[in-house]
Amino acid sequence: MTKIGFIGTGNMGGAMLKGLSPLNKIELYAYDIDIKKIKNLSCSSKINICTNTLELAEKTDYIILAVKPYLVSSIIQEIKPKLRAQKCIISIAAGVNLNTLIQSCEKKCACIRVMPNTPALVGKGVFALCFDDPNLNKTQKNFIFDLFSHLGTSYILSENYFDAFTALIGSGPAFVFLILESFIQAGVTLGFTAEQSKEMIIKLFEGSLELTSYLSNKHLSELKDMVTSPGGTTVYGLNSMEFNGLKKAIIEGIIASYKRSKEL
C-alpha cells in the first residue's frame, strides 16, 4: 500500500486529506504544528498522526508540502536525512519553483510541483502538475496524476506555463466570485433581497454551465445568440457591457495577475 504524508493540514492540505481518505489503495499520514487541526481531521478521515516532520518523511513514500511558500525550503532541510531515491516530494506552495525544490533536497529524491485552486475544497479542483524533474519515473508520474484526479481535474504542464495557470486558474475563483457578487448586487438594486438574489444567481450560473457542457459542440457566441433577440432586453444589456469594457477588464485583470506571478 502506498503511503502518502501531508506536512500542513490547513484549508488546502485538509481538503486534500478528506478527499483522498476514502481511497483504499493508499495510507495517509499527516503532521501539523497545530495538533488540533489533525485531531479534528482524524475524526472524519483515516489519518495516521505523526509527531514531527522527520517521522512523517521516514514512514511515507510521497511527501506533500501543503505549507506557506516561505516554509518550504526549511522543511525540506528538516526532512533531508530521511529522503531516499524511492521517495518523492510534492509541493503545492505557490511561487516555489521546481529548481528550488530540487536544489533544497540536493537531488536525493524526485520532486513535483503542483498548482491547485480552491474548488479542491469541494472535490472540484483544477490542478497543474509539473513533471519536469528528470528523476521522476513513469510509475510516480502515473500514480500522482491518478491521485490528484480523484480531487478534480489534472493537467500535466511544463513549469513555464505555471504563471499563466496561476493567473487563469489559481486566481480564477476570485474573479468568478467578483462577477457573481456583481450579479447579486444588481439583483438587490432591482429590488430582490440579498438572499433571493444570491440563490437565483447561483442557479443561473449552475444552469448556464450545465447548458454549456450539454451543448459543447456549439461556440459560446452561438449560446449567447440563443438568448439574444433583435431589439430585445438582452442585446441592450450586452451592448452596455461591451461599451463599458467588461470583456476588456476581465482579460486585462488576468494578464495583470500573470505579470505579478512572474514577478514573484
Protein backbone atom coordinates (compact mmCIF):
# COMPACT_ATOMS: atom_id res chain seq x y z
CA MET A 1 0.00 0.00 0.00
CA THR A 2 1.38 3.41 -1.00
CA LYS A 3 1.95 5.78 1.91
CA ILE A 4 1.31 9.50 1.47
CA GLY A 5 2.26 12.14 4.02
CA PHE A 6 0.96 15.68 4.37
CA ILE A 7 3.05 18.33 6.08
CA GLY A 8 0.49 21.05 6.70
CA THR A 9 -3.25 20.42 7.16
CA GLY A 10 -4.72 23.88 6.58
CA ASN A 11 -7.53 24.63 4.12
CA MET A 12 -5.93 23.03 1.08
CA GLY A 13 -4.00 20.26 2.82
CA GLY A 14 -7.01 19.38 4.97
CA ALA A 15 -9.34 19.34 1.96
CA MET A 16 -6.99 17.04 0.05
CA LEU A 17 -6.73 14.69 3.02
CA LYS A 18 -10.52 14.47 3.27
CA GLY A 19 -10.85 13.89 -0.46
CA LEU A 20 -8.25 11.12 -0.52
CA SER A 21 -9.33 9.42 2.71
CA PRO A 22 -11.93 7.09 1.08
CA LEU A 23 -9.32 5.55 -1.26
CA ASN A 24 -8.34 2.04 -0.21
CA LYS A 25 -5.07 1.81 -2.13
CA ILE A 26 -3.27 4.44 -0.03
CA GLU A 27 -2.39 5.06 3.60
CA LEU A 28 -2.43 8.66 4.81
CA TYR A 29 -0.08 10.32 7.30
CA ALA A 30 -0.14 13.92 8.49
CA TYR A 31 1.81 16.40 10.56
CA ASP A 32 0.88 19.95 11.51
CA ILE A 33 2.31 22.26 14.12
CA ASP A 34 -1.32 22.78 15.21
CA ILE A 35 -2.21 19.34 16.59
CA LYS A 36 -5.89 20.35 16.93
CA LYS A 37 -6.22 20.56 13.15
CA ILE A 38 -5.07 16.96 12.68
CA LYS A 39 -7.19 15.63 15.52
CA ASN A 40 -10.27 17.31 14.04
CA LEU A 41 -9.48 15.80 10.63
CA SER A 42 -8.88 12.35 12.11
CA CYS A 43 -12.44 12.31 13.46
CA SER A 44 -13.80 12.09 9.91
CA SER A 45 -10.83 10.78 7.91
CA LYS A 46 -8.46 7.83 8.16
CA ILE A 47 -5.20 9.57 9.10
CA ASN A 48 -2.07 8.41 10.90
CA ILE A 49 -0.86 11.33 13.01
CA CYS A 50 2.90 11.98 13.11
CA THR A 51 4.62 13.88 15.91
CA ASN A 52 7.20 15.60 13.68
CA THR A 53 8.28 16.05 10.07
CA LEU A 54 11.12 13.51 10.30
CA GLU A 55 8.77 10.76 11.42
CA LEU A 56 6.43 11.54 8.54
CA ALA A 57 9.26 11.59 5.98
CA GLU A 58 10.56 8.25 7.23
CA LYS A 59 7.19 6.48 7.06
CA THR A 60 5.89 7.75 3.72
CA ASP A 61 6.63 7.30 0.01
CA TYR A 62 5.20 10.62 -1.19
CA ILE A 63 5.59 13.78 0.92
CA ILE A 64 3.13 16.58 0.13
CA LEU A 65 4.20 20.02 1.33
CA ALA A 66 0.97 21.94 1.97
CA VAL A 67 2.56 24.87 3.79
CA LYS A 68 3.25 28.56 3.19
CA PRO A 69 5.87 29.15 0.47
CA TYR A 70 8.42 30.66 2.86
CA LEU A 71 8.45 27.43 4.91
CA VAL A 72 9.16 25.01 2.06
CA SER A 73 12.97 25.18 2.00
CA SER A 74 13.33 24.95 5.78
CA ILE A 75 11.01 21.94 5.97
CA ILE A 76 12.98 20.16 3.25
CA GLN A 77 16.13 20.81 5.28
CA GLU A 78 14.42 19.20 8.30
CA ILE A 79 13.43 16.04 6.45
CA LYS A 80 16.52 15.73 4.25
CA PRO A 81 18.12 12.96 6.38
CA LYS A 82 15.12 10.72 5.58
CA LEU A 83 14.99 11.39 1.84
CA ARG A 84 15.82 8.49 -0.46
CA ALA A 85 15.74 7.86 -4.21
CA GLN A 86 12.45 5.96 -3.97
CA LYS A 87 10.66 8.84 -2.23
CA CYS A 88 9.03 11.87 -3.86
CA ILE A 89 8.41 15.44 -2.68
CA ILE A 90 5.28 17.22 -3.93
CA SER A 91 4.89 20.94 -3.27
CA ILE A 92 1.59 22.80 -3.63
CA ALA A 93 3.16 26.08 -2.45
CA ALA A 94 2.60 28.93 -4.90
CA GLY A 95 5.72 30.61 -6.25
CA VAL A 96 8.21 27.93 -5.18
CA ASN A 97 9.72 26.74 -8.45
CA LEU A 98 10.87 23.24 -9.25
CA ASN A 99 14.54 24.17 -9.29
CA THR A 100 14.26 25.42 -5.69
CA LEU A 101 12.73 22.11 -4.65
CA ILE A 102 15.41 20.07 -6.42
CA GLN A 103 18.27 22.14 -5.00
CA SER A 104 16.80 22.09 -1.49
CA CYS A 105 16.63 18.31 -1.38
CA GLU A 106 20.03 18.02 -3.14
CA LYS A 107 18.56 15.62 -5.71
CA LYS A 108 18.10 12.92 -3.07
CA CYS A 109 14.62 12.23 -4.44
CA ALA A 110 12.31 13.28 -7.24
CA CYS A 111 10.27 16.49 -6.92
CA ILE A 112 6.90 17.52 -8.33
CA ARG A 113 5.37 20.98 -8.34
CA VAL A 114 1.58 21.25 -8.19
CA MET A 115 -0.63 24.31 -8.53
CA PRO A 116 -4.15 23.78 -7.11
CA ASN A 117 -7.15 26.07 -6.83
CA THR A 118 -9.68 26.47 -4.04
CA PRO A 119 -12.55 24.41 -5.56
CA ALA A 120 -10.40 21.46 -4.47
CA LEU A 121 -12.14 22.08 -1.13
CA VAL A 122 -15.29 20.54 -2.65
CA GLY A 123 -13.62 17.96 -4.89
CA LYS A 124 -13.81 20.18 -7.98
CA GLY A 125 -10.22 21.36 -8.08
CA VAL A 126 -8.21 22.09 -11.20
CA PHE A 127 -4.56 21.08 -10.81
CA ALA A 128 -1.44 21.77 -12.82
CA LEU A 129 1.16 19.02 -12.38
CA CYS A 130 4.78 19.71 -13.29
CA PHE A 131 6.68 16.52 -14.15
CA ASP A 132 9.80 18.28 -15.44
CA ASP A 133 12.17 16.68 -12.90
CA PRO A 134 14.22 14.10 -14.87
CA ASN A 135 14.47 11.94 -11.71
CA LEU A 136 10.73 11.18 -11.86
CA ASN A 137 9.91 7.71 -13.14
CA LYS A 138 6.82 6.63 -15.07
CA THR A 139 5.28 4.85 -12.07
CA GLN A 140 5.49 8.03 -9.96
CA LYS A 141 4.00 10.18 -12.74
CA ASN A 142 1.07 7.83 -13.29
CA PHE A 143 0.39 7.49 -9.57
CA ILE A 144 0.37 11.24 -8.89
CA PHE A 145 -1.78 12.02 -11.93
CA ASP A 146 -4.33 9.43 -10.80
CA LEU A 147 -4.16 10.66 -7.20
CA PHE A 148 -4.92 14.29 -7.99
CA SER A 149 -7.59 13.30 -10.49
CA HIS A 150 -9.59 12.00 -7.51
CA LEU A 151 -9.73 15.61 -6.26
CA GLY A 152 -10.80 17.23 -9.53
CA THR A 153 -9.22 17.61 -12.96
CA SER A 154 -5.46 17.40 -13.52
CA TYR A 155 -3.32 18.79 -16.34
CA ILE A 156 0.33 17.95 -16.94
CA LEU A 157 2.07 21.22 -17.75
CA SER A 158 5.66 22.29 -18.18
CA GLU A 159 6.69 24.76 -15.49
CA ASN A 160 6.92 27.63 -17.97
CA TYR A 161 3.10 27.55 -18.09
CA PHE A 162 2.66 27.79 -14.33
CA ASP A 163 2.49 31.61 -14.15
CA ALA A 164 -0.27 31.58 -16.77
CA PHE A 165 -2.08 28.75 -14.96
CA THR A 166 -1.76 30.62 -11.65
CA ALA A 167 -3.35 33.74 -13.14
CA LEU A 168 -6.13 31.98 -15.06
CA ILE A 169 -7.00 29.05 -12.78
CA GLY A 170 -5.30 29.62 -9.40
CA SER A 171 -6.59 33.20 -9.10
CA GLY A 172 -9.64 32.44 -11.24
CA PRO A 173 -12.10 31.63 -8.44
CA ALA A 174 -11.66 35.13 -7.02
CA PHE A 175 -12.53 36.64 -10.42
CA VAL A 176 -15.58 34.39 -10.71
CA PHE A 177 -16.72 35.39 -7.21
CA LEU A 178 -16.36 39.07 -8.15
CA ILE A 179 -18.60 38.51 -11.17
CA LEU A 180 -21.12 36.60 -9.03
CA GLU A 181 -21.05 39.39 -6.46
CA SER A 182 -21.76 41.95 -9.20
CA PHE A 183 -24.79 39.97 -10.41
CA ILE A 184 -26.11 39.66 -6.86
CA GLN A 185 -25.65 43.38 -6.25
CA ALA A 186 -27.57 44.10 -9.46
CA GLY A 187 -30.38 41.87 -8.20
CA VAL A 188 -30.56 43.79 -4.93
CA THR A 189 -30.59 47.05 -6.90
CA LEU A 190 -33.59 45.73 -8.82
CA GLY A 191 -35.49 45.04 -5.59
CA PHE A 192 -34.71 41.43 -4.64
CA THR A 193 -33.39 40.65 -1.20
CA ALA A 194 -29.71 39.71 -0.98
CA GLU A 195 -30.69 36.14 -0.12
CA GLN A 196 -33.11 35.86 -3.04
CA SER A 197 -30.62 37.37 -5.45
CA LYS A 198 -27.77 35.09 -4.34
CA GLU A 199 -29.88 31.96 -4.65
CA MET A 200 -31.18 32.88 -8.11
CA ILE A 201 -27.78 33.93 -9.44
CA ILE A 202 -26.08 30.73 -8.26
CA LYS A 203 -28.79 28.74 -10.04
CA LEU A 204 -28.29 30.93 -13.12
CA PHE A 205 -24.57 30.14 -13.24
CA GLU A 206 -25.09 26.44 -12.50
CA GLY A 207 -27.66 26.13 -15.26
CA SER A 208 -25.61 28.11 -17.77
CA LEU A 209 -22.53 25.96 -17.14
CA GLU A 210 -24.60 22.78 -17.46
CA LEU A 211 -26.02 24.02 -20.76
CA THR A 212 -22.51 24.87 -21.99
CA SER A 213 -21.45 21.31 -21.24
CA TYR A 214 -24.58 19.79 -22.81
CA LEU A 215 -24.15 21.86 -26.00
CA SER A 216 -20.35 21.59 -26.03
CA ASN A 217 -20.37 21.39 -29.84
CA LYS A 218 -21.61 24.97 -30.01
CA HIS A 219 -19.41 28.05 -29.73
CA LEU A 220 -20.09 30.34 -26.79
CA SER A 221 -21.16 33.05 -29.25
CA GLU A 222 -23.88 30.70 -30.53
CA LEU A 223 -25.10 30.06 -27.00
CA LYS A 224 -25.17 33.79 -26.40
CA ASP A 225 -27.18 34.32 -29.62
CA MET A 226 -29.77 31.79 -28.39
CA VAL A 227 -30.71 34.31 -25.67
CA THR A 228 -30.40 37.45 -27.78
CA SER A 229 -33.42 38.66 -29.75
CA PRO A 230 -33.26 41.65 -32.15
CA GLY A 231 -34.12 44.83 -30.27
CA GLY A 232 -34.73 42.90 -27.07
CA THR A 233 -33.59 43.34 -23.48
CA THR A 234 -30.56 41.08 -23.77
CA VAL A 235 -28.89 42.86 -26.68
CA TYR A 236 -29.28 46.20 -24.90
CA GLY A 237 -27.62 44.74 -21.82
CA LEU A 238 -24.82 43.19 -23.87
CA ASN A 239 -24.23 46.46 -25.71
CA SER A 240 -23.92 48.34 -22.43
CA MET A 241 -21.49 45.77 -21.01
CA GLU A 242 -19.34 45.89 -24.16
CA PHE A 243 -19.41 49.70 -24.16
CA ASN A 244 -18.23 49.74 -20.53
CA GLY A 245 -15.38 47.33 -21.30
CA LEU A 246 -16.43 44.23 -19.35
CA LYS A 247 -14.55 41.73 -21.53
CA LYS A 248 -11.50 44.01 -21.75
CA ALA A 249 -11.42 44.44 -17.95
CA ILE A 250 -11.52 40.67 -17.37
CA ILE A 251 -8.75 39.94 -19.90
CA GLU A 252 -6.54 42.74 -18.59
CA GLY A 253 -7.14 41.62 -14.99
CA ILE A 254 -5.96 38.09 -15.77
CA ILE A 255 -2.91 39.43 -17.62
CA ALA A 256 -2.09 41.68 -14.62
CA SER A 257 -2.30 38.62 -12.37
CA TYR A 258 0.02 36.75 -14.75
CA LYS A 259 2.60 39.55 -14.68
CA ARG A 260 2.50 39.64 -10.90
CA SER A 261 3.01 35.88 -10.74
CA LYS A 262 6.14 36.21 -12.88
CA GLU A 263 7.43 38.97 -10.58
CA LEU A 264 7.01 36.72 -7.55
